[in-house]
Amino acid sequence: MSNPYKTREGGATVTVFVPYDCSNNCPFCINKKEYADCSTFSLERIIESIRTMDAITPYCDFVFTGGEPLADLESLQKMLDVIPSTHKIYINTTFPVQKHYTAEEMLAFTEKNKDKITCMNISRHLQKYVEESPDEVIGRIACRTRINCVLYKHYPADKLVDYVERFLPYNIPIQFRYDYTETTPDNLYEEENDKILQDLRKFFTYKGLDGCRMRNGFHFEYKGLHMTYHKTLPYSTIVEKDDTGVTYDILYDILIKQTGEIHSDWTGVVMDVEKYRNVVFEPYDLRVINGIVDY
C-alpha cells in the first residue's frame, strides 16, 4: 500500500506480541505458528518500538497479547514500565495455571500494576482448551477485568446461561467473540443469519449496537451483568477516498511483532514508520447505531 496514512484521533491501537510463547494450543488461535521459532524474538527491539509508537502517538492504546503475556512477568514488567500514563493498557491473557509462577505471584503483579493496566481480558471459553485458574482467583485480580469467550464452531448454546451465571458473583463483564477469521464486510453487520446473535437474543436482554467500519458490538444485559457480542474484520486497514479525492490507508490497529518489527496490518504488511509520523487524524467513527449503549 502506497497511500498516505490516516487514523483516528489519539492514534491506532498498538498490539504488542510478547516475545515468548504460551503452553496452550487453542484451536482458533492464529498466532501459534508464529511462536514455532523464537530465535529472532527480541525484548529490547520491542521496547524500542514501543518507545517509537509512544513518540508518534502519545495517547494511543496498547494491547499485550501472544503467546501468553503472564508467562514471563519480568519481561512484561519491563515493557509496561516504558509506557507513560497517557496510554491505556490492555492485557489479553488466560491467567494460566503455570509452573513458573503461582496464582499469588500473578495476583501480586496485578496489584503492583493496578493503576497502569486499564483492563485485563481473561480468556474463558464454553469449551475448555487449557487448564484454567479457579474463578475465585480471577475474582481477586486487582485491576479491572473482562471475560473473553470465543464462540467457536459448534459451541454448546444450551450452556450459555450457566456460563454467564458462573461470573455473576464476581460482576465481571463478558465479551463473546465471533471467530474473526470468518468475518467479512458482508457479514460484519448481518443479523438475521447470525446464529450467535440469535442465540444471545434468545437468552439475554438486547440493549443496543455500536460500531464503525472495522468492528462492532451487540450489547446485552443479564441480571445486571453487561455482555457484548463483538465482531471484527480479520485485517485492520480500510482503503478509502475522502471528499477531496485523496485516497488514504486508514489504520485501526498497528502491530509490534515478536521481533520488534512494526506492522500496519494483521496480514503481514510492514508499516512505513516515517510516513506514520505524518499521519492524518480523523474523529473515531465508532458510534451508537441503535438502542442504548451506556456501559
C-alpha atoms as a PDB file:
ATOM      1  CA  MET A   1       0.000   0.000   0.000  1.00  0.00           C
ATOM      2  CA  SER A   2       1.421   3.383  -1.015  1.00  0.00           C
ATOM      3  CA  ASN A   3      -1.333   5.733   0.122  1.00  0.00           C
ATOM      4  CA  PRO A   4      -0.840   8.272   2.932  1.00  0.00           C
ATOM      5  CA  TYR A   5      -1.927   7.085   6.375  1.00  0.00           C
ATOM      6  CA  LYS A   6      -4.968   8.200   8.276  1.00  0.00           C
ATOM      7  CA  THR A   7      -6.111   7.039  11.707  1.00  0.00           C
ATOM      8  CA  ARG A   8      -8.466   8.034  14.493  1.00  0.00           C
ATOM      9  CA  GLU A   9      -7.743  10.797  16.971  1.00  0.00           C
ATOM     10  CA  GLY A  10      -5.232   9.568  19.531  1.00  0.00           C
ATOM     11  CA  GLY A  11      -3.736   7.024  17.138  1.00  0.00           C
ATOM     12  CA  ALA A  12      -4.336   3.460  16.058  1.00  0.00           C
ATOM     13  CA  THR A  13      -4.320   0.785  18.758  1.00  0.00           C
ATOM     14  CA  VAL A  14      -0.861  -0.786  19.107  1.00  0.00           C
ATOM     15  CA  THR A  15      -0.924  -4.542  19.736  1.00  0.00           C
ATOM     16  CA  VAL A  16       2.312  -5.940  21.145  1.00  0.00           C
ATOM     17  CA  PHE A  17       3.093  -9.623  20.622  1.00  0.00           C
ATOM     18  CA  VAL A  18       5.145 -10.713  23.623  1.00  0.00           C
ATOM     19  CA  PRO A  19       8.478 -12.374  22.717  1.00  0.00           C
ATOM     20  CA  TYR A  20       7.751 -15.657  24.496  1.00  0.00           C
ATOM     21  CA  ASP A  21       5.250 -18.451  23.955  1.00  0.00           C
ATOM     22  CA  CYS A  22       2.405 -19.981  25.899  1.00  0.00           C
ATOM     23  CA  SER A  23       1.824 -23.678  26.518  1.00  0.00           C
ATOM     24  CA  ASN A  24      -1.677 -23.594  25.038  1.00  0.00           C
ATOM     25  CA  ASN A  25      -2.964 -24.832  21.689  1.00  0.00           C
ATOM     26  CA  CYS A  26      -6.384 -23.207  21.357  1.00  0.00           C
ATOM     27  CA  PRO A  27      -7.870 -24.323  18.010  1.00  0.00           C
ATOM     28  CA  PHE A  28      -8.895 -20.819  16.914  1.00  0.00           C
ATOM     29  CA  CYS A  29      -5.516 -19.218  17.673  1.00  0.00           C
ATOM     30  CA  ILE A  30      -3.857 -17.926  14.510  1.00  0.00           C
ATOM     31  CA  ASN A  31      -0.710 -16.785  16.349  1.00  0.00           C
ATOM     32  CA  LYS A  32       0.610 -20.163  17.481  1.00  0.00           C
ATOM     33  CA  LYS A  33       2.593 -20.807  14.307  1.00  0.00           C
ATOM     34  CA  GLU A  34       4.473 -17.533  14.816  1.00  0.00           C
ATOM     35  CA  TYR A  35       5.974 -18.942  18.024  1.00  0.00           C
ATOM     36  CA  ALA A  36       7.360 -22.104  16.445  1.00  0.00           C
ATOM     37  CA  ASP A  37      10.775 -20.437  16.109  1.00  0.00           C
ATOM     38  CA  CYS A  38      11.624 -17.825  18.748  1.00  0.00           C
ATOM     39  CA  SER A  39      15.253 -17.349  17.697  1.00  0.00           C
ATOM     40  CA  THR A  40      14.693 -13.855  16.224  1.00  0.00           C
ATOM     41  CA  PHE A  41      12.489 -12.554  19.032  1.00  0.00           C
ATOM     42  CA  SER A  42      13.823  -9.559  20.930  1.00  0.00           C
ATOM     43  CA  LEU A  43      12.511  -7.872  24.065  1.00  0.00           C
ATOM     44  CA  GLU A  44      14.922  -4.976  23.510  1.00  0.00           C
ATOM     45  CA  ARG A  45      13.680  -4.288  19.974  1.00  0.00           C
ATOM     46  CA  ILE A  46      10.070  -4.488  21.135  1.00  0.00           C
ATOM     47  CA  ILE A  47      10.781  -1.908  23.835  1.00  0.00           C
ATOM     48  CA  GLU A  48      12.426   0.322  21.235  1.00  0.00           C
ATOM     49  CA  SER A  49       9.326   0.034  19.026  1.00  0.00           C
ATOM     50  CA  ILE A  50       7.032   0.790  21.979  1.00  0.00           C
ATOM     51  CA  ARG A  51       9.009   3.985  22.546  1.00  0.00           C
ATOM     52  CA  THR A  52       8.700   4.841  18.851  1.00  0.00           C
ATOM     53  CA  MET A  53       4.928   4.466  18.887  1.00  0.00           C
ATOM     54  CA  ASP A  54       4.657   6.484  22.101  1.00  0.00           C
ATOM     55  CA  ALA A  55       6.646   9.297  20.489  1.00  0.00           C
ATOM     56  CA  ILE A  56       4.402   9.393  17.404  1.00  0.00           C
ATOM     57  CA  THR A  57       1.007   8.920  19.114  1.00  0.00           C
ATOM     58  CA  PRO A  58       1.384   9.593  22.862  1.00  0.00           C
ATOM     59  CA  TYR A  59      -2.306   8.835  23.552  1.00  0.00           C
ATOM     60  CA  CYS A  60      -2.804   5.559  21.665  1.00  0.00           C
ATOM     61  CA  ASP A  61      -3.943   2.353  23.367  1.00  0.00           C
ATOM     62  CA  PHE A  62      -1.543  -0.563  23.864  1.00  0.00           C
ATOM     63  CA  VAL A  63      -2.671  -4.202  23.922  1.00  0.00           C
ATOM     64  CA  PHE A  64      -0.374  -7.043  25.010  1.00  0.00           C
ATOM     65  CA  THR A  65      -1.085 -10.456  23.558  1.00  0.00           C
ATOM     66  CA  GLY A  66       0.775 -13.567  22.457  1.00  0.00           C
ATOM     67  CA  GLY A  67       1.645 -16.102  23.342  1.00  0.00           C
ATOM     68  CA  GLU A  68       0.831 -15.547  26.983  1.00  0.00           C
ATOM     69  CA  PRO A  69       1.843 -12.171  28.471  1.00  0.00           C
ATOM     70  CA  LEU A  70       1.879 -13.549  32.032  1.00  0.00           C
ATOM     71  CA  ALA A  71       4.291 -16.368  31.150  1.00  0.00           C
ATOM     72  CA  ASP A  72       7.233 -14.004  31.804  1.00  0.00           C
ATOM     73  CA  LEU A  73       6.271 -11.401  34.402  1.00  0.00           C
ATOM     74  CA  GLU A  74       9.730  -9.833  34.455  1.00  0.00           C
ATOM     75  CA  SER A  75       9.719  -9.159  30.708  1.00  0.00           C
ATOM     76  CA  LEU A  76       6.127  -7.940  30.786  1.00  0.00           C
ATOM     77  CA  GLN A  77       7.012  -5.541  33.591  1.00  0.00           C
ATOM     78  CA  LYS A  78       9.880  -4.111  31.539  1.00  0.00           C
ATOM     79  CA  MET A  79       7.524  -3.438  28.635  1.00  0.00           C
ATOM     80  CA  LEU A  80       4.868  -1.869  30.872  1.00  0.00           C
ATOM     81  CA  ASP A  81       7.433   0.350  32.552  1.00  0.00           C
ATOM     82  CA  VAL A  82       8.324   2.171  29.313  1.00  0.00           C
ATOM     83  CA  ILE A  83       4.706   3.146  28.584  1.00  0.00           C
ATOM     84  CA  PRO A  84       3.741   6.550  30.035  1.00  0.00           C
ATOM     85  CA  SER A  85       0.452   7.105  31.839  1.00  0.00           C
ATOM     86  CA  THR A  86      -1.066   8.890  28.827  1.00  0.00           C
ATOM     87  CA  HIS A  87      -1.838   5.473  27.299  1.00  0.00           C
ATOM     88  CA  LYS A  88      -4.483   2.901  28.144  1.00  0.00           C
ATOM     89  CA  ILE A  89      -3.010  -0.597  28.506  1.00  0.00           C
ATOM     90  CA  TYR A  90      -4.896  -3.852  27.955  1.00  0.00           C
ATOM     91  CA  ILE A  91      -3.587  -7.379  28.509  1.00  0.00           C
ATOM     92  CA  ASN A  92      -5.049 -10.462  26.813  1.00  0.00           C
ATOM     93  CA  THR A  93      -4.341 -13.493  28.974  1.00  0.00           C
ATOM     94  CA  THR A  94      -5.631 -16.898  30.012  1.00  0.00           C
ATOM     95  CA  PHE A  95      -4.412 -16.093  33.552  1.00  0.00           C
ATOM     96  CA  PRO A  96      -2.876 -19.535  33.277  1.00  0.00           C
ATOM     97  CA  VAL A  97      -2.002 -22.301  35.665  1.00  0.00           C
ATOM     98  CA  GLN A  98       1.750 -22.482  35.078  1.00  0.00           C
ATOM     99  CA  LYS A  99       4.909 -23.913  36.601  1.00  0.00           C
ATOM    100  CA  HIS A 100       6.987 -20.749  36.784  1.00  0.00           C
ATOM    101  CA  TYR A 101       4.529 -18.539  38.682  1.00  0.00           C
ATOM    102  CA  THR A 102       1.906 -19.233  41.295  1.00  0.00           C
ATOM    103  CA  ALA A 103      -1.524 -17.649  41.252  1.00  0.00           C
ATOM    104  CA  GLU A 104      -0.448 -15.465  44.166  1.00  0.00           C
ATOM    105  CA  GLU A 105       2.535 -14.164  42.195  1.00  0.00           C
ATOM    106  CA  MET A 106       0.329 -13.280  39.226  1.00  0.00           C
ATOM    107  CA  LEU A 107      -2.185 -11.602  41.529  1.00  0.00           C
ATOM    108  CA  ALA A 108       0.646  -9.604  43.129  1.00  0.00           C
ATOM    109  CA  PHE A 109       1.642  -8.466  39.636  1.00  0.00           C
ATOM    110  CA  THR A 110      -1.877  -7.109  39.057  1.00  0.00           C
ATOM    111  CA  GLU A 111      -1.770  -5.339  42.424  1.00  0.00           C
ATOM    112  CA  LYS A 112       1.569  -3.729  41.579  1.00  0.00           C
ATOM    113  CA  ASN A 113       0.276  -2.532  38.205  1.00  0.00           C
ATOM    114  CA  LYS A 114      -3.383  -1.857  39.011  1.00  0.00           C
ATOM    115  CA  ASP A 115      -3.017   1.852  38.256  1.00  0.00           C
ATOM    116  CA  LYS A 116      -1.257   1.135  34.949  1.00  0.00           C
ATOM    117  CA  ILE A 117      -3.378  -1.690  33.496  1.00  0.00           C
ATOM    118  CA  THR A 118      -6.702  -0.384  32.140  1.00  0.00           C
ATOM    119  CA  CYS A 119      -8.229  -3.839  31.759  1.00  0.00           C
ATOM    120  CA  MET A 120      -7.120  -7.458  31.798  1.00  0.00           C
ATOM    121  CA  ASN A 121      -9.056  -9.536  29.263  1.00  0.00           C
ATOM    122  CA  ILE A 122      -9.310 -13.100  30.564  1.00  0.00           C
ATOM    123  CA  SER A 123      -9.949 -15.930  28.093  1.00  0.00           C
ATOM    124  CA  ARG A 124     -12.597 -18.327  29.384  1.00  0.00           C
ATOM    125  CA  HIS A 125     -14.450 -20.354  26.767  1.00  0.00           C
ATOM    126  CA  LEU A 126     -17.550 -22.533  26.806  1.00  0.00           C
ATOM    127  CA  GLN A 127     -15.315 -25.430  25.853  1.00  0.00           C
ATOM    128  CA  LYS A 128     -12.151 -25.712  27.927  1.00  0.00           C
ATOM    129  CA  TYR A 129      -8.920 -25.794  25.940  1.00  0.00           C
ATOM    130  CA  VAL A 130      -6.446 -25.054  28.760  1.00  0.00           C
ATOM    131  CA  GLU A 131      -6.076 -25.625  32.482  1.00  0.00           C
ATOM    132  CA  GLU A 132      -7.815 -22.603  33.977  1.00  0.00           C
ATOM    133  CA  SER A 133      -7.126 -20.750  37.184  1.00  0.00           C
ATOM    134  CA  PRO A 134     -10.103 -21.057  39.556  1.00  0.00           C
ATOM    135  CA  ASP A 135     -12.789 -18.418  39.152  1.00  0.00           C
ATOM    136  CA  GLU A 136     -12.106 -17.321  42.736  1.00  0.00           C
ATOM    137  CA  VAL A 137      -8.598 -16.342  41.636  1.00  0.00           C
ATOM    138  CA  ILE A 138      -9.924 -14.335  38.672  1.00  0.00           C
ATOM    139  CA  GLY A 139     -12.251 -12.540  41.081  1.00  0.00           C
ATOM    140  CA  ARG A 140      -9.216 -11.360  43.088  1.00  0.00           C
ATOM    141  CA  ILE A 141      -7.391  -9.669  40.195  1.00  0.00           C
ATOM    142  CA  ALA A 142      -6.618  -6.144  41.378  1.00  0.00           C
ATOM    143  CA  CYS A 143      -7.208  -4.287  38.097  1.00  0.00           C
ATOM    144  CA  ARG A 144     -10.382  -4.131  36.045  1.00  0.00           C
ATOM    145  CA  THR A 145     -11.185  -7.399  34.249  1.00  0.00           C
ATOM    146  CA  ARG A 146     -13.340  -8.675  31.409  1.00  0.00           C
ATOM    147  CA  ILE A 147     -14.030 -12.222  30.273  1.00  0.00           C
ATOM    148  CA  ASN A 148     -13.374 -13.004  26.593  1.00  0.00           C
ATOM    149  CA  CYS A 149     -15.219 -16.015  25.182  1.00  0.00           C
ATOM    150  CA  VAL A 150     -14.835 -17.128  21.562  1.00  0.00           C
ATOM    151  CA  LEU A 151     -17.998 -18.898  20.418  1.00  0.00           C
ATOM    152  CA  TYR A 152     -16.192 -21.284  18.134  1.00  0.00           C
ATOM    153  CA  LYS A 153     -17.861 -23.511  15.546  1.00  0.00           C
ATOM    154  CA  HIS A 154     -20.388 -25.896  17.210  1.00  0.00           C
ATOM    155  CA  TYR A 155     -20.398 -24.280  20.648  1.00  0.00           C
ATOM    156  CA  PRO A 156     -22.951 -25.613  23.198  1.00  0.00           C
ATOM    157  CA  ALA A 157     -25.581 -22.860  23.082  1.00  0.00           C
ATOM    158  CA  ASP A 158     -27.641 -24.554  25.798  1.00  0.00           C
ATOM    159  CA  LYS A 159     -24.833 -23.783  28.264  1.00  0.00           C
ATOM    160  CA  LEU A 160     -24.786 -20.023  27.677  1.00  0.00           C
ATOM    161  CA  VAL A 161     -26.941 -19.108  30.677  1.00  0.00           C
ATOM    162  CA  ASP A 162     -24.978 -21.345  33.052  1.00  0.00           C
ATOM    163  CA  TYR A 163     -21.776 -19.842  31.679  1.00  0.00           C
ATOM    164  CA  VAL A 164     -22.929 -16.284  32.414  1.00  0.00           C
ATOM    165  CA  GLU A 165     -24.236 -17.297  35.862  1.00  0.00           C
ATOM    166  CA  ARG A 166     -20.710 -18.523  36.602  1.00  0.00           C
ATOM    167  CA  PHE A 167     -19.347 -14.966  36.542  1.00  0.00           C
ATOM    168  CA  LEU A 168     -22.260 -13.172  38.199  1.00  0.00           C
ATOM    169  CA  PRO A 169     -20.800 -13.476  41.724  1.00  0.00           C
ATOM    170  CA  TYR A 170     -17.729 -11.539  40.562  1.00  0.00           C
ATOM    171  CA  ASN A 171     -19.620  -8.980  38.441  1.00  0.00           C
ATOM    172  CA  ILE A 172     -17.141  -9.441  35.582  1.00  0.00           C
ATOM    173  CA  PRO A 173     -18.493  -8.289  32.196  1.00  0.00           C
ATOM    174  CA  ILE A 174     -18.293 -10.751  29.325  1.00  0.00           C
ATOM    175  CA  GLN A 175     -17.343 -10.250  25.706  1.00  0.00           C
ATOM    176  CA  PHE A 176     -18.481 -13.020  23.385  1.00  0.00           C
ATOM    177  CA  ARG A 177     -16.447 -13.065  20.210  1.00  0.00           C
ATOM    178  CA  TYR A 178     -17.178 -14.234  16.699  1.00  0.00           C
ATOM    179  CA  ASP A 179     -14.388 -16.215  15.059  1.00  0.00           C
ATOM    180  CA  TYR A 180     -12.931 -13.176  13.302  1.00  0.00           C
ATOM    181  CA  THR A 181     -11.161 -15.286  10.686  1.00  0.00           C
ATOM    182  CA  GLU A 182     -14.681 -15.822   9.307  1.00  0.00           C
ATOM    183  CA  THR A 183     -15.743 -12.143   9.359  1.00  0.00           C
ATOM    184  CA  THR A 184     -16.206 -10.272   6.086  1.00  0.00           C
ATOM    185  CA  PRO A 185     -17.517  -6.793   5.202  1.00  0.00           C
ATOM    186  CA  ASP A 186     -20.731  -8.509   4.083  1.00  0.00           C
ATOM    187  CA  ASN A 187     -21.431 -10.317   7.370  1.00  0.00           C
ATOM    188  CA  LEU A 188     -19.966  -7.804   9.830  1.00  0.00           C
ATOM    189  CA  TYR A 189     -23.376  -6.218  10.415  1.00  0.00           C
ATOM    190  CA  GLU A 190     -25.521  -9.115   9.195  1.00  0.00           C
ATOM    191  CA  GLU A 191     -28.034 -10.138  11.876  1.00  0.00           C
ATOM    192  CA  GLU A 192     -30.755 -12.414  10.551  1.00  0.00           C
ATOM    193  CA  ASN A 193     -28.470 -15.344   9.722  1.00  0.00           C
ATOM    194  CA  ASP A 194     -26.019 -14.833  12.579  1.00  0.00           C
ATOM    195  CA  LYS A 195     -26.611 -17.863  14.804  1.00  0.00           C
ATOM    196  CA  ILE A 196     -24.581 -16.474  17.694  1.00  0.00           C
ATOM    197  CA  LEU A 197     -26.561 -13.243  17.729  1.00  0.00           C
ATOM    198  CA  GLN A 198     -29.863 -15.127  17.627  1.00  0.00           C
ATOM    199  CA  ASP A 199     -28.770 -17.407  20.486  1.00  0.00           C
ATOM    200  CA  LEU A 200     -27.814 -14.422  22.610  1.00  0.00           C
ATOM    201  CA  ARG A 201     -31.099 -12.656  21.849  1.00  0.00           C
ATOM    202  CA  LYS A 202     -32.915 -15.816  22.970  1.00  0.00           C
ATOM    203  CA  PHE A 203     -31.327 -15.929  26.419  1.00  0.00           C
ATOM    204  CA  PHE A 204     -30.396 -12.323  27.266  1.00  0.00           C
ATOM    205  CA  THR A 205     -31.838  -8.805  27.031  1.00  0.00           C
ATOM    206  CA  TYR A 206     -30.653  -6.923  23.966  1.00  0.00           C
ATOM    207  CA  LYS A 207     -29.668  -3.306  24.724  1.00  0.00           C
ATOM    208  CA  GLY A 208     -28.081  -1.793  21.627  1.00  0.00           C
ATOM    209  CA  LEU A 209     -25.460  -1.817  18.882  1.00  0.00           C
ATOM    210  CA  ASP A 210     -22.398   0.313  18.325  1.00  0.00           C
ATOM    211  CA  GLY A 211     -19.814   0.004  15.601  1.00  0.00           C
ATOM    212  CA  CYS A 212     -17.526   1.502  12.980  1.00  0.00           C
ATOM    213  CA  ARG A 213     -16.033   0.492   9.608  1.00  0.00           C
ATOM    214  CA  MET A 214     -13.932  -2.231  11.202  1.00  0.00           C
ATOM    215  CA  ARG A 215     -15.774  -3.738  14.175  1.00  0.00           C
ATOM    216  CA  ASN A 216     -18.938  -3.616  16.222  1.00  0.00           C
ATOM    217  CA  GLY A 217     -20.550  -4.693  19.470  1.00  0.00           C
ATOM    218  CA  PHE A 218     -24.051  -6.000  20.154  1.00  0.00           C
ATOM    219  CA  HIS A 219     -24.765  -5.256  23.806  1.00  0.00           C
ATOM    220  CA  PHE A 220     -26.798  -7.401  26.191  1.00  0.00           C
ATOM    221  CA  GLU A 221     -27.736  -7.477  29.864  1.00  0.00           C
ATOM    222  CA  TYR A 222     -28.462 -10.350  32.230  1.00  0.00           C
ATOM    223  CA  LYS A 223     -29.270  -9.774  35.917  1.00  0.00           C
ATOM    224  CA  GLY A 224     -27.326  -6.521  35.808  1.00  0.00           C
ATOM    225  CA  LEU A 225     -24.279  -8.016  34.094  1.00  0.00           C
ATOM    226  CA  HIS A 226     -23.117  -6.348  30.896  1.00  0.00           C
ATOM    227  CA  MET A 227     -22.233  -8.520  27.907  1.00  0.00           C
ATOM    228  CA  THR A 228     -21.048  -7.706  24.399  1.00  0.00           C
ATOM    229  CA  TYR A 229     -21.058  -9.756  21.234  1.00  0.00           C
ATOM    230  CA  HIS A 230     -18.019  -8.496  19.327  1.00  0.00           C
ATOM    231  CA  LYS A 231     -17.320  -8.899  15.622  1.00  0.00           C
ATOM    232  CA  THR A 232     -14.273  -7.543  13.822  1.00  0.00           C
ATOM    233  CA  LEU A 233     -12.686  -7.893  10.408  1.00  0.00           C
ATOM    234  CA  PRO A 234      -9.539 -10.063  10.073  1.00  0.00           C
ATOM    235  CA  TYR A 235      -7.491  -7.116   8.825  1.00  0.00           C
ATOM    236  CA  SER A 236      -7.118  -3.565  10.120  1.00  0.00           C
ATOM    237  CA  THR A 237      -6.665  -1.251   7.118  1.00  0.00           C
ATOM    238  CA  ILE A 238      -9.513   0.356   5.194  1.00  0.00           C
ATOM    239  CA  VAL A 239      -8.616   1.996   1.858  1.00  0.00           C
ATOM    240  CA  GLU A 240     -10.923   4.935   1.284  1.00  0.00           C
ATOM    241  CA  LYS A 241     -11.067   8.153  -0.739  1.00  0.00           C
ATOM    242  CA  ASP A 242     -12.045  11.320   1.135  1.00  0.00           C
ATOM    243  CA  ASP A 243     -14.169  14.227  -0.084  1.00  0.00           C
ATOM    244  CA  THR A 244     -11.131  15.957  -1.605  1.00  0.00           C
ATOM    245  CA  GLY A 245     -10.278  12.953  -3.754  1.00  0.00           C
ATOM    246  CA  VAL A 246      -7.274  11.786  -1.692  1.00  0.00           C
ATOM    247  CA  THR A 247      -7.075   8.018  -1.099  1.00  0.00           C
ATOM    248  CA  TYR A 248      -5.894   7.018   2.387  1.00  0.00           C
ATOM    249  CA  ASP A 249      -4.881   3.814   4.104  1.00  0.00           C
ATOM    250  CA  ILE A 250      -6.967   4.170   7.265  1.00  0.00           C
ATOM    251  CA  LEU A 251      -5.256   2.260  10.091  1.00  0.00           C
ATOM    252  CA  TYR A 252      -7.180   0.859  13.050  1.00  0.00           C
ATOM    253  CA  ASP A 253      -4.509  -1.466  14.506  1.00  0.00           C
ATOM    254  CA  ILE A 254      -0.722  -1.387  14.448  1.00  0.00           C
ATOM    255  CA  LEU A 255       1.279  -4.460  15.459  1.00  0.00           C
ATOM    256  CA  ILE A 256       4.649  -4.727  17.169  1.00  0.00           C
ATOM    257  CA  LYS A 257       5.742  -8.218  16.286  1.00  0.00           C
ATOM    258  CA  GLN A 258       7.848 -10.548  18.442  1.00  0.00           C
ATOM    259  CA  THR A 259      10.948  -9.361  16.570  1.00  0.00           C
ATOM    260  CA  GLY A 260      10.173  -5.715  17.248  1.00  0.00           C
ATOM    261  CA  GLU A 261       9.170  -5.122  13.617  1.00  0.00           C
ATOM    262  CA  ILE A 262       6.197  -2.763  13.269  1.00  0.00           C
ATOM    263  CA  HIS A 263       3.307  -3.798  11.007  1.00  0.00           C
ATOM    264  CA  SER A 264       0.339  -1.732   9.837  1.00  0.00           C
ATOM    265  CA  ASP A 265      -1.972  -4.727   9.474  1.00  0.00           C
ATOM    266  CA  TRP A 266      -2.619  -8.245  10.723  1.00  0.00           C
ATOM    267  CA  THR A 267      -1.866  -9.540   7.237  1.00  0.00           C
ATOM    268  CA  GLY A 268       1.921  -9.101   7.374  1.00  0.00           C
ATOM    269  CA  VAL A 269       2.183  -5.560   5.994  1.00  0.00           C
ATOM    270  CA  VAL A 270       5.267  -3.770   7.338  1.00  0.00           C
ATOM    271  CA  MET A 271       4.469  -0.202   8.370  1.00  0.00           C
ATOM    272  CA  ASP A 272       6.306   2.799   6.961  1.00  0.00           C
ATOM    273  CA  VAL A 273       7.190   4.356  10.314  1.00  0.00           C
ATOM    274  CA  GLU A 274       8.414   7.629   8.839  1.00  0.00           C
ATOM    275  CA  LYS A 275       5.185   8.019   6.863  1.00  0.00           C
ATOM    276  CA  TYR A 276       3.184   7.355  10.024  1.00  0.00           C
ATOM    277  CA  ARG A 277       4.915  10.316  11.673  1.00  0.00           C
ATOM    278  CA  ASN A 278       2.833  12.443   9.295  1.00  0.00           C
ATOM    279  CA  VAL A 279      -0.413  10.538   9.786  1.00  0.00           C
ATOM    280  CA  VAL A 280      -3.680  12.448   9.279  1.00  0.00           C
ATOM    281  CA  PHE A 281      -6.142  12.168  12.151  1.00  0.00           C
ATOM    282  CA  GLU A 282      -9.925  11.901  11.885  1.00  0.00           C
ATOM    283  CA  PRO A 283     -12.648  11.578  14.537  1.00  0.00           C
ATOM    284  CA  TYR A 284     -13.161   7.983  15.620  1.00  0.00           C
ATOM    285  CA  ASP A 285     -16.119   6.643  13.632  1.00  0.00           C
ATOM    286  CA  LEU A 286     -17.383   4.363  16.424  1.00  0.00           C
ATOM    287  CA  ARG A 287     -20.993   5.332  17.059  1.00  0.00           C
ATOM    288  CA  VAL A 288     -24.198   4.051  18.618  1.00  0.00           C
ATOM    289  CA  ILE A 289     -26.273   2.604  15.767  1.00  0.00           C
ATOM    290  CA  ASN A 290     -29.399   1.628  17.695  1.00  0.00           C
ATOM    291  CA  GLY A 291     -30.669   1.093  21.199  1.00  0.00           C
ATOM    292  CA  ILE A 292     -28.838   2.220  24.330  1.00  0.00           C
ATOM    293  CA  VAL A 293     -25.134   1.644  24.887  1.00  0.00           C
ATOM    294  CA  ASP A 294     -24.397   3.167  28.299  1.00  0.00           C
ATOM    295  CA  TYR A 295     -21.902   0.779  29.889  1.00  0.00           C
END
